[in-house]
């Protein structure tokens, strides 16, 4: 068995992946309202800022819509939007965009 390098992943990406799996499995359908940041943080045993970063990543992907004062809603996944590669997160893409502009 060959030894492979271990690639550490940021916690917010792991949370986003877990939420994405819940969406794909049908646990939360398009239009459903997610629990609040506080509830998600308590259920997952992590901090609210980590949840917030994961939700921002999902919002950039078009998987959720955050309505201030109303909640976080699951949206239909975009059909033609390219998915970022494993090394690019939403914050890296925003930095690149800022540099180009």
PDB file of N, CA and C in Angstrom:
ATOM      1  N   UNK A   1       0.848  -1.174   0.000  1.00  0.00           N
ATOM      2  CA  UNK A   1       0.000   0.000   0.000  1.00  0.00           C
ATOM      3  C   UNK A   1       0.891   1.234   0.000  1.00  0.00           C
ATOM      4  N   UNK A   2       0.783   2.086  -1.033  1.00  0.00           N
ATOM      5  CA  UNK A   2       1.621   3.282  -1.085  1.00  0.00           C
ATOM      6  C   UNK A   2       1.170   4.306  -0.041  1.00  0.00           C
ATOM      7  N   UNK A   3       2.137   5.058   0.438  1.00  0.00           N
ATOM      8  CA  UNK A   3       1.840   6.109   1.406  1.00  0.00           C
ATOM      9  C   UNK A   3       1.461   7.365   0.641  1.00  0.00           C
ATOM     10  N   UNK A   4       0.357   7.962   1.047  1.00  0.00           N
ATOM     11  CA  UNK A   4      -0.131   9.171   0.388  1.00  0.00           C
ATOM     12  C   UNK A   4      -0.019  10.351   1.342  1.00  0.00           C
ATOM     13  N   UNK A   5       0.192  11.516   0.767  1.00  0.00           N
ATOM     14  CA  UNK A   5       0.273  12.725   1.569  1.00  0.00           C
ATOM     15  C   UNK A   5      -1.095  13.053   2.142  1.00  0.00           C
ATOM     16  N   UNK A   6      -1.103  13.526   3.355  1.00  0.00           N
ATOM     17  CA  UNK A   6      -2.346  13.930   4.000  1.00  0.00           C
ATOM     18  C   UNK A   6      -2.544  15.407   3.733  1.00  0.00           C
ATOM     19  N   UNK A   7      -3.669  15.717   3.160  1.00  0.00           N
ATOM     20  CA  UNK A   7      -3.976  17.102   2.833  1.00  0.00           C
ATOM     21  C   UNK A   7      -4.975  17.623   3.873  1.00  0.00           C
ATOM     22  N   UNK A   8      -4.534  18.541   4.734  1.00  0.00           N
ATOM     23  CA  UNK A   8      -5.476  19.067   5.718  1.00  0.00           C
ATOM     24  C   UNK A   8      -6.526  19.942   5.032  1.00  0.00           C
ATOM     25  N   UNK A   9      -7.742  19.835   5.505  1.00  0.00           N
ATOM     26  CA  UNK A   9      -8.821  20.634   4.932  1.00  0.00           C
ATOM     27  C   UNK A   9      -9.341  21.567   6.000  1.00  0.00           C
ATOM     28  N   UNK A  10      -9.651  22.758   5.595  1.00  0.00           N
ATOM     29  CA  UNK A  10     -10.190  23.723   6.537  1.00  0.00           C
ATOM     30  C   UNK A  10     -11.536  23.242   7.045  1.00  0.00           C
ATOM     31  N   UNK A  11     -11.810  23.573   8.283  1.00  0.00           N
ATOM     32  CA  UNK A  11     -13.024  23.095   8.929  1.00  0.00           C
ATOM     33  C   UNK A  11     -14.283  23.591   8.219  1.00  0.00           C
ATOM     34  N   UNK A  12     -14.280  24.848   7.752  1.00  0.00           N
ATOM     35  CA  UNK A  12     -15.482  25.363   7.091  1.00  0.00           C
ATOM     36  C   UNK A  12     -15.792  24.581   5.818  1.00  0.00           C
ATOM     37  N   UNK A  13     -14.750  24.080   5.146  1.00  0.00           N
ATOM     38  CA  UNK A  13     -14.987  23.263   3.944  1.00  0.00           C
ATOM     39  C   UNK A  13     -15.604  21.925   4.312  1.00  0.00           C
ATOM     40  N   UNK A  14     -15.179  21.355   5.423  1.00  0.00           N
ATOM     41  CA  UNK A  14     -15.762  20.098   5.875  1.00  0.00           C
ATOM     42  C   UNK A  14     -17.230  20.291   6.231  1.00  0.00           C
ATOM     43  N   UNK A  15     -17.536  21.409   6.882  1.00  0.00           N
ATOM     44  CA  UNK A  15     -18.926  21.716   7.239  1.00  0.00           C
ATOM     45  C   UNK A  15     -19.751  21.925   5.969  1.00  0.00           C
ATOM     46  N   UNK A  16     -19.208  22.674   5.007  1.00  0.00           N
ATOM     47  CA  UNK A  16     -19.920  22.902   3.745  1.00  0.00           C
ATOM     48  C   UNK A  16     -20.172  21.578   3.026  1.00  0.00           C
ATOM     49  N   UNK A  17     -19.186  20.683   3.041  1.00  0.00           N
ATOM     50  CA  UNK A  17     -19.364  19.374   2.410  1.00  0.00           C
ATOM     51  C   UNK A  17     -20.477  18.579   3.096  1.00  0.00           C
ATOM     52  N   UNK A  18     -20.510  18.643   4.423  1.00  0.00           N
ATOM     53  CA  UNK A  18     -21.543  17.921   5.158  1.00  0.00           C
ATOM     54  C   UNK A  18     -22.933  18.480   4.848  1.00  0.00           C
ATOM     55  N   UNK A  19     -23.051  19.791   4.806  1.00  0.00           N
ATOM     56  CA  UNK A  19     -24.344  20.404   4.469  1.00  0.00           C
ATOM     57  C   UNK A  19     -24.739  20.076   3.029  1.00  0.00           C
ATOM     58  N   UNK A  20     -23.768  20.113   2.117  1.00  0.00           N
ATOM     59  CA  UNK A  20     -24.031  19.776   0.714  1.00  0.00           C
ATOM     60  C   UNK A  20     -24.563  18.340   0.595  1.00  0.00           C
ATOM     61  N   UNK A  21     -23.988  17.422   1.393  1.00  0.00           N
ATOM     62  CA  UNK A  21     -24.458  16.038   1.379  1.00  0.00           C
ATOM     63  C   UNK A  21     -25.897  15.938   1.877  1.00  0.00           C
ATOM     64  N   UNK A  22     -26.223  16.746   2.888  1.00  0.00           N
ATOM     65  CA  UNK A  22     -27.608  16.760   3.375  1.00  0.00           C
ATOM     66  C   UNK A  22     -28.563  17.254   2.296  1.00  0.00           C
ATOM     67  N   UNK A  23     -28.139  18.250   1.520  1.00  0.00           N
ATOM     68  CA  UNK A  23     -28.973  18.764   0.429  1.00  0.00           C
ATOM     69  C   UNK A  23     -29.144  17.689  -0.638  1.00  0.00           C
ATOM     70  N   UNK A  24     -28.036  17.052  -1.020  1.00  0.00           N
ATOM     71  CA  UNK A  24     -28.071  16.057  -2.088  1.00  0.00           C
ATOM     72  C   UNK A  24     -28.859  14.807  -1.702  1.00  0.00           C
ATOM     73  N   UNK A  25     -28.864  14.462  -0.408  1.00  0.00           N
ATOM     74  CA  UNK A  25     -29.579  13.268   0.040  1.00  0.00           C
ATOM     75  C   UNK A  25     -31.081  13.520   0.206  1.00  0.00           C
ATOM     76  N   UNK A  26     -31.489  14.791   0.142  1.00  0.00           N
ATOM     77  CA  UNK A  26     -32.899  15.109   0.267  1.00  0.00           C
ATOM     78  C   UNK A  26     -33.322  15.463   1.683  1.00  0.00           C
ATOM     79  N   UNK A  27     -32.378  15.490   2.618  1.00  0.00           N
ATOM     80  CA  UNK A  27     -32.700  15.887   3.993  1.00  0.00           C
ATOM     81  C   UNK A  27     -33.283  17.300   4.016  1.00  0.00           C
ATOM     82  N   UNK A  28     -32.707  18.171   3.199  1.00  0.00           N
ATOM     83  CA  UNK A  28     -33.222  19.529   3.002  1.00  0.00           C
ATOM     84  C   UNK A  28     -33.428  19.724   1.507  1.00  0.00           C
ATOM     85  N   UNK A  29     -34.649  19.986   1.120  1.00  0.00           N
ATOM     86  CA  UNK A  29     -34.969  20.189  -0.294  1.00  0.00           C
ATOM     87  C   UNK A  29     -34.906  21.675  -0.630  1.00  0.00           C
ATOM     88  N   UNK A  30     -34.909  21.975  -1.919  1.00  0.00           N
ATOM     89  CA  UNK A  30     -34.907  23.371  -2.359  1.00  0.00           C
ATOM     90  C   UNK A  30     -36.120  24.076  -1.775  1.00  0.00           C
ATOM     91  N   UNK A  31     -35.868  25.244  -1.189  1.00  0.00           N
ATOM     92  CA  UNK A  31     -36.927  26.016  -0.569  1.00  0.00           C
ATOM     93  C   UNK A  31     -37.031  25.817   0.930  1.00  0.00           C
ATOM     94  N   UNK A  32     -36.420  24.754   1.444  1.00  0.00           N
ATOM     95  CA  UNK A  32     -36.449  24.511   2.882  1.00  0.00           C
ATOM     96  C   UNK A  32     -35.579  25.529   3.614  1.00  0.00           C
ATOM     97  N   UNK A  33     -36.005  25.838   4.816  1.00  0.00           N
ATOM     98  CA  UNK A  33     -35.240  26.758   5.655  1.00  0.00           C
ATOM     99  C   UNK A  33     -34.336  25.951   6.568  1.00  0.00           C
ATOM    100  N   UNK A  34     -33.060  26.319   6.614  1.00  0.00           N
ATOM    101  CA  UNK A  34     -32.107  25.646   7.481  1.00  0.00           C
ATOM    102  C   UNK A  34     -32.259  26.153   8.918  1.00  0.00           C
ATOM    103  N   UNK A  35     -31.771  25.376   9.881  1.00  0.00           N
ATOM    104  CA  UNK A  35     -31.733  25.883  11.252  1.00  0.00           C
ATOM    105  C   UNK A  35     -30.831  27.120  11.322  1.00  0.00           C
ATOM    106  N   UNK A  36     -30.955  27.876  12.389  1.00  0.00           N
ATOM    107  CA  UNK A  36     -30.143  29.082  12.551  1.00  0.00           C
ATOM    108  C   UNK A  36     -28.666  28.714  12.707  1.00  0.00           C
ATOM    109  N   UNK A  37     -27.804  29.719  12.526  1.00  0.00           N
ATOM    110  CA  UNK A  37     -26.362  29.504  12.713  1.00  0.00           C
ATOM    111  C   UNK A  37     -26.092  28.929  14.091  1.00  0.00           C
ATOM    112  N   UNK A  38     -26.746  29.467  15.087  1.00  0.00           N
ATOM    113  CA  UNK A  38     -26.533  29.015  16.466  1.00  0.00           C
ATOM    114  C   UNK A  38     -26.908  27.546  16.621  1.00  0.00           C
ATOM    115  N   UNK A  39     -28.057  27.151  16.074  1.00  0.00           N
ATOM    116  CA  UNK A  39     -28.487  25.757  16.170  1.00  0.00           C
ATOM    117  C   UNK A  39     -27.529  24.828  15.435  1.00  0.00           C
ATOM    118  N   UNK A  40     -27.101  25.226  14.238  1.00  0.00           N
ATOM    119  CA  UNK A  40     -26.154  24.403  13.487  1.00  0.00           C
ATOM    120  C   UNK A  40     -24.844  24.252  14.246  1.00  0.00           C
ATOM    121  N   UNK A  41     -24.356  25.352  14.825  1.00  0.00           N
ATOM    122  CA  UNK A  41     -23.104  25.310  15.579  1.00  0.00           C
ATOM    123  C   UNK A  41     -23.218  24.372  16.781  1.00  0.00           C
ATOM    124  N   UNK A  42     -24.341  24.433  17.475  1.00  0.00           N
ATOM    125  CA  UNK A  42     -24.544  23.558  18.633  1.00  0.00           C
ATOM    126  C   UNK A  42     -24.629  22.096  18.219  1.00  0.00           C
ATOM    127  N   UNK A  43     -25.355  21.820  17.141  1.00  0.00           N
ATOM    128  CA  UNK A  43     -25.493  20.432  16.665  1.00  0.00           C
ATOM    129  C   UNK A  43     -24.163  19.848  16.213  1.00  0.00           C
ATOM    130  N   UNK A  44     -23.338  20.674  15.556  1.00  0.00           N
ATOM    131  CA  UNK A  44     -22.066  20.184  15.018  1.00  0.00           C
ATOM    132  C   UNK A  44     -20.914  20.316  16.011  1.00  0.00           C
ATOM    133  N   UNK A  45     -21.140  21.042  17.086  1.00  0.00           N
ATOM    134  CA  UNK A  45     -20.097  21.193  18.090  1.00  0.00           C
ATOM    135  C   UNK A  45     -18.944  22.072  17.647  1.00  0.00           C
ATOM    136  N   UNK A  46     -19.253  23.092  16.845  1.00  0.00           N
ATOM    137  CA  UNK A  46     -18.224  24.015  16.361  1.00  0.00           C
ATOM    138  C   UNK A  46     -18.698  25.447  16.567  1.00  0.00           C
ATOM    139  N   UNK A  47     -17.836  26.399  16.233  1.00  0.00           N
ATOM    140  CA  UNK A  47     -18.160  27.809  16.460  1.00  0.00           C
ATOM    141  C   UNK A  47     -19.064  28.373  15.364  1.00  0.00           C
ATOM    142  N   UNK A  48     -19.767  29.447  15.712  1.00  0.00           N
ATOM    143  CA  UNK A  48     -20.636  30.118  14.741  1.00  0.00           C
ATOM    144  C   UNK A  48     -19.852  30.718  13.577  1.00  0.00           C
ATOM    145  N   UNK A  49     -18.665  31.312  13.798  1.00  0.00           N
ATOM    146  CA  UNK A  49     -17.921  31.831  12.638  1.00  0.00           C
ATOM    147  C   UNK A  49     -17.585  30.746  11.597  1.00  0.00           C
ATOM    148  N   UNK A  50     -17.323  29.526  12.066  1.00  0.00           N
ATOM    149  CA  UNK A  50     -17.053  28.432  11.126  1.00  0.00           C
ATOM    150  C   UNK A  50     -18.303  28.111  10.319  1.00  0.00           C
ATOM    151  N   UNK A  51     -19.448  28.082  10.982  1.00  0.00           N
ATOM    152  CA  UNK A  51     -20.722  27.861  10.289  1.00  0.00           C
ATOM    153  C   UNK A  51     -20.950  28.975   9.278  1.00  0.00           C
ATOM    154  N   UNK A  52     -20.685  30.213   9.695  1.00  0.00           N
ATOM    155  CA  UNK A  52     -20.890  31.368   8.822  1.00  0.00           C
ATOM    156  C   UNK A  52     -20.018  31.257   7.568  1.00  0.00           C
ATOM    157  N   UNK A  53     -18.748  30.861   7.734  1.00  0.00           N
ATOM    158  CA  UNK A  53     -17.856  30.697   6.572  1.00  0.00           C
ATOM    159  C   UNK A  53     -18.370  29.607   5.642  1.00  0.00           C
ATOM    160  N   UNK A  54     -18.850  28.511   6.206  1.00  0.00           N
ATOM    161  CA  UNK A  54     -19.385  27.419   5.379  1.00  0.00           C
ATOM    162  C   UNK A  54     -20.618  27.886   4.607  1.00  0.00           C
ATOM    163  N   UNK A  55     -21.470  28.660   5.264  1.00  0.00           N
ATOM    164  CA  UNK A  55     -22.665  29.165   4.588  1.00  0.00           C
ATOM    165  C   UNK A  55     -22.302  30.158   3.491  1.00  0.00           C
ATOM    166  N   UNK A  56     -21.271  30.965   3.716  1.00  0.00           N
ATOM    167  CA  UNK A  56     -20.800  31.884   2.674  1.00  0.00           C
ATOM    168  C   UNK A  56     -20.304  31.084   1.475  1.00  0.00           C
ATOM    169  N   UNK A  57     -19.560  30.011   1.743  1.00  0.00           N
ATOM    170  CA  UNK A  57     -19.063  29.164   0.652  1.00  0.00           C
ATOM    171  C   UNK A  57     -20.225  28.571  -0.134  1.00  0.00           C
ATOM    172  N   UNK A  58     -21.249  28.102   0.574  1.00  0.00           N
ATOM    173  CA  UNK A  58     -22.416  27.528  -0.105  1.00  0.00           C
ATOM    174  C   UNK A  58     -23.212  28.592  -0.849  1.00  0.00           C
ATOM    175  N   UNK A  59     -23.230  29.810  -0.326  1.00  0.00           N
ATOM    176  CA  UNK A  59     -23.923  30.903  -1.011  1.00  0.00           C
ATOM    177  C   UNK A  59     -23.194  31.275  -2.300  1.00  0.00           C
ATOM    178  N   UNK A  60     -21.865  31.285  -2.258  1.00  0.00           N
ATOM    179  CA  UNK A  60     -21.076  31.577  -3.461  1.00  0.00           C
ATOM    180  C   UNK A  60     -21.324  30.511  -4.527  1.00  0.00           C
ATOM    181  N   UNK A  61     -21.484  29.256  -4.089  1.00  0.00           N
ATOM    182  CA  UNK A  61     -21.771  28.154  -5.021  1.00  0.00           C
ATOM    183  C   UNK A  61     -23.203  28.199  -5.549  1.00  0.00           C
ATOM    184  N   UNK A  62     -24.056  28.965  -4.885  1.00  0.00           N
ATOM    185  CA  UNK A  62     -25.453  29.017  -5.299  1.00  0.00           C
ATOM    186  C   UNK A  62     -26.310  27.933  -4.681  1.00  0.00           C
ATOM    187  N   UNK A  63     -25.845  27.319  -3.592  1.00  0.00           N
ATOM    188  CA  UNK A  63     -26.602  26.242  -2.945  1.00  0.00           C
ATOM    189  C   UNK A  63     -27.551  26.734  -1.869  1.00  0.00           C
ATOM    190  N   UNK A  64     -27.281  27.918  -1.290  1.00  0.00           N
ATOM    191  CA  UNK A  64     -28.177  28.497  -0.288  1.00  0.00           C
ATOM    192  C   UNK A  64     -28.357  29.974  -0.587  1.00  0.00           C
ATOM    193  N   UNK A  65     -29.441  30.508  -0.027  1.00  0.00           N
ATOM    194  CA  UNK A  65     -29.686  31.947  -0.121  1.00  0.00           C
ATOM    195  C   UNK A  65     -29.905  32.451   1.290  1.00  0.00           C
ATOM    196  N   UNK A  66     -29.118  33.435   1.687  1.00  0.00           N
ATOM    197  CA  UNK A  66     -29.214  33.978   3.029  1.00  0.00           C
ATOM    198  C   UNK A  66     -30.025  35.257   2.967  1.00  0.00           C
ATOM    199  N   UNK A  67     -31.143  35.264   3.658  1.00  0.00           N
ATOM    200  CA  UNK A  67     -32.014  36.444   3.717  1.00  0.00           C
ATOM    201  C   UNK A  67     -31.924  37.016   5.124  1.00  0.00           C
ATOM    202  N   UNK A  68     -31.381  38.207   5.227  1.00  0.00           N
ATOM    203  CA  UNK A  68     -31.204  38.836   6.529  1.00  0.00           C
ATOM    204  C   UNK A  68     -32.558  39.008   7.200  1.00  0.00           C
ATOM    205  N   UNK A  69     -32.644  38.556   8.434  1.00  0.00           N
ATOM    206  CA  UNK A  69     -33.880  38.677   9.194  1.00  0.00           C
ATOM    207  C   UNK A  69     -34.890  37.588   8.916  1.00  0.00           C
ATOM    208  N   UNK A  70     -34.658  36.769   7.889  1.00  0.00           N
ATOM    209  CA  UNK A  70     -35.610  35.736   7.531  1.00  0.00           C
ATOM    210  C   UNK A  70     -35.041  34.342   7.742  1.00  0.00           C
ATOM    211  N   UNK A  71     -33.807  34.119   7.312  1.00  0.00           N
ATOM    212  CA  UNK A  71     -33.192  32.809   7.491  1.00  0.00           C
ATOM    213  C   UNK A  71     -32.335  32.396   6.315  1.00  0.00           C
ATOM    214  N   UNK A  72     -31.944  31.143   6.356  1.00  0.00           N
ATOM    215  CA  UNK A  72     -31.081  30.552   5.333  1.00  0.00           C
ATOM    216  C   UNK A  72     -31.911  29.513   4.597  1.00  0.00           C
ATOM    217  N   UNK A  73     -32.006  29.662   3.284  1.00  0.00           N
ATOM    218  CA  UNK A  73     -32.861  28.788   2.486  1.00  0.00           C
ATOM    219  C   UNK A  73     -32.035  28.024   1.458  1.00  0.00           C
ATOM    220  N   UNK A  74     -32.393  26.749   1.286  1.00  0.00           N
ATOM    221  CA  UNK A  74     -31.735  25.904   0.290  1.00  0.00           C
ATOM    222  C   UNK A  74     -32.279  26.274  -1.080  1.00  0.00           C
ATOM    223  N   UNK A  75     -31.382  26.382  -2.054  1.00  0.00           N
ATOM    224  CA  UNK A  75     -31.787  26.677  -3.425  1.00  0.00           C
ATOM    225  C   UNK A  75     -31.436  25.498  -4.325  1.00  0.00           C
ATOM    226  N   UNK A  76     -32.005  25.500  -5.516  1.00  0.00           N
ATOM    227  CA  UNK A  76     -31.649  24.488  -6.506  1.00  0.00           C
ATOM    228  C   UNK A  76     -30.185  24.698  -6.891  1.00  0.00           C
ATOM    229  N   UNK A  77     -29.410  23.623  -7.004  1.00  0.00           N
ATOM    230  CA  UNK A  77     -28.014  23.809  -7.421  1.00  0.00           C
ATOM    231  C   UNK A  77     -27.957  24.320  -8.855  1.00  0.00           C
ATOM    232  N   UNK A  78     -27.064  25.269  -9.119  1.00  0.00           N
ATOM    233  CA  UNK A  78     -26.946  25.781 -10.484  1.00  0.00           C
ATOM    234  C   UNK A  78     -26.461  24.672 -11.415  1.00  0.00           C
ATOM    235  N   UNK A  79     -27.055  24.595 -12.582  1.00  0.00           N
ATOM    236  CA  UNK A  79     -26.726  23.512 -13.511  1.00  0.00           C
ATOM    237  C   UNK A  79     -25.442  23.754 -14.302  1.00  0.00           C
ATOM    238  N   UNK A  80     -25.183  24.993 -14.658  1.00  0.00           N
ATOM    239  CA  UNK A  80     -24.046  25.251 -15.542  1.00  0.00           C
ATOM    240  C   UNK A  80     -22.867  25.918 -14.844  1.00  0.00           C
ATOM    241  N   UNK A  81     -22.981  26.191 -13.560  1.00  0.00           N
ATOM    242  CA  UNK A  81     -21.889  26.877 -12.862  1.00  0.00           C
ATOM    243  C   UNK A  81     -20.744  25.913 -12.622  1.00  0.00           C
ATOM    244  N   UNK A  82     -19.526  26.307 -12.985  1.00  0.00           N
ATOM    245  CA  UNK A  82     -18.386  25.431 -12.734  1.00  0.00           C
ATOM    246  C   UNK A  82     -18.072  25.384 -11.242  1.00  0.00           C
ATOM    247  N   UNK A  83     -17.740  24.205 -10.771  1.00  0.00           N
ATOM    248  CA  UNK A  83     -17.373  24.038  -9.371  1.00  0.00           C
ATOM    249  C   UNK A  83     -15.902  24.412  -9.196  1.00  0.00           C
ATOM    250  N   UNK A  84     -15.560  25.120  -8.132  1.00  0.00           N
ATOM    251  CA  UNK A  84     -14.162  25.450  -7.893  1.00  0.00           C
ATOM    252  C   UNK A  84     -13.360  24.193  -7.623  1.00  0.00           C
ATOM    253  N   UNK A  85     -12.091  24.230  -7.942  1.00  0.00           N
ATOM    254  CA  UNK A  85     -11.243  23.072  -7.678  1.00  0.00           C
ATOM    255  C   UNK A  85     -11.003  22.958  -6.183  1.00  0.00           C
ATOM    256  N   UNK A  86     -10.409  21.844  -5.771  1.00  0.00           N
ATOM    257  CA  UNK A  86     -10.225  21.571  -4.346  1.00  0.00           C
ATOM    258  C   UNK A  86      -9.371  22.624  -3.657  1.00  0.00           C
ATOM    259  N   UNK A  87      -8.473  23.296  -4.378  1.00  0.00           N
ATOM    260  CA  UNK A  87      -7.596  24.282  -3.758  1.00  0.00           C
ATOM    261  C   UNK A  87      -8.194  25.663  -3.675  1.00  0.00           C
ATOM    262  N   UNK A  88      -9.348  25.874  -4.303  1.00  0.00           N
ATOM    263  CA  UNK A  88      -9.950  27.202  -4.338  1.00  0.00           C
ATOM    264  C   UNK A  88     -11.223  27.230  -3.509  1.00  0.00           C
ATOM    265  N   UNK A  89     -11.229  28.094  -2.519  1.00  0.00           N
ATOM    266  CA  UNK A  89     -12.423  28.308  -1.731  1.00  0.00           C
ATOM    267  C   UNK A  89     -12.995  29.660  -2.088  1.00  0.00           C
ATOM    268  N   UNK A  90     -14.093  30.023  -1.504  1.00  0.00           N
ATOM    269  CA  UNK A  90     -14.712  31.302  -1.854  1.00  0.00           C
ATOM    270  C   UNK A  90     -13.830  32.498  -1.525  1.00  0.00           C
ATOM    271  N   UNK A  91     -13.070  32.402  -0.437  1.00  0.00           N
ATOM    272  CA  UNK A  91     -12.237  33.535  -0.050  1.00  0.00           C
ATOM    273  C   UNK A  91     -11.044  33.695  -0.998  1.00  0.00           C
ATOM    274  N   UNK A  92     -10.505  32.571  -1.477  1.00  0.00           N
ATOM    275  CA  UNK A  92      -9.420  32.636  -2.454  1.00  0.00           C
ATOM    276  C   UNK A  92      -9.919  33.230  -3.770  1.00  0.00           C
ATOM    277  N   UNK A  93     -11.132  32.855  -4.159  1.00  0.00           N
ATOM    278  CA  UNK A  93     -11.696  33.401  -5.392  1.00  0.00           C
ATOM    279  C   UNK A  93     -11.972  34.901  -5.270  1.00  0.00           C
ATOM    280  N   UNK A  94     -12.452  35.327  -4.103  1.00  0.00           N
ATOM    281  CA  UNK A  94     -12.697  36.756  -3.897  1.00  0.00           C
ATOM    282  C   UNK A  94     -11.394  37.554  -3.922  1.00  0.00           C
ATOM    283  N   UNK A  95     -10.323  36.998  -3.339  1.00  0.00           N
ATOM    284  CA  UNK A  95      -9.020  37.676  -3.372  1.00  0.00           C
ATOM    285  C   UNK A  95      -8.509  37.794  -4.801  1.00  0.00           C
ATOM    286  N   UNK A  96      -8.659  36.731  -5.582  1.00  0.00           N
ATOM    287  CA  UNK A  96      -8.217  36.750  -6.975  1.00  0.00           C
ATOM    288  C   UNK A  96      -9.014  37.778  -7.767  1.00  0.00           C
ATOM    289  N   UNK A  97     -10.301  37.829  -7.533  1.00  0.00           N
ATOM    290  CA  UNK A  97     -11.151  38.794  -8.223  1.00  0.00           C
ATOM    291  C   UNK A  97     -10.755  40.215  -7.866  1.00  0.00           C
ATOM    292  N   UNK A  98     -10.485  40.458  -6.584  1.00  0.00           N
ATOM    293  CA  UNK A  98     -10.051  41.784  -6.131  1.00  0.00           C
ATOM    294  C   UNK A  98      -8.736  42.185  -6.788  1.00  0.00           C
ATOM    295  N   UNK A  99      -7.825  41.225  -6.913  1.00  0.00           N
ATOM    296  CA  UNK A  99      -6.534  41.491  -7.551  1.00  0.00           C
ATOM    297  C   UNK A  99      -6.705  41.869  -9.008  1.00  0.00           C
ATOM    298  N   UNK A 100      -7.564  41.138  -9.703  1.00  0.00           N
ATOM    299  CA  UNK A 100      -7.784  41.388 -11.137  1.00  0.00           C
ATOM    300  C   UNK A 100      -8.470  42.716 -11.361  1.00  0.00           C
ATOM    301  N   UNK A 101      -9.458  43.017 -10.527  1.00  0.00           N
ATOM    302  CA  UNK A 101     -10.197  44.270 -10.710  1.00  0.00           C
ATOM    303  C   UNK A 101      -9.338  45.450 -10.326  1.00  0.00           C
TER     304      UNK A 101
END
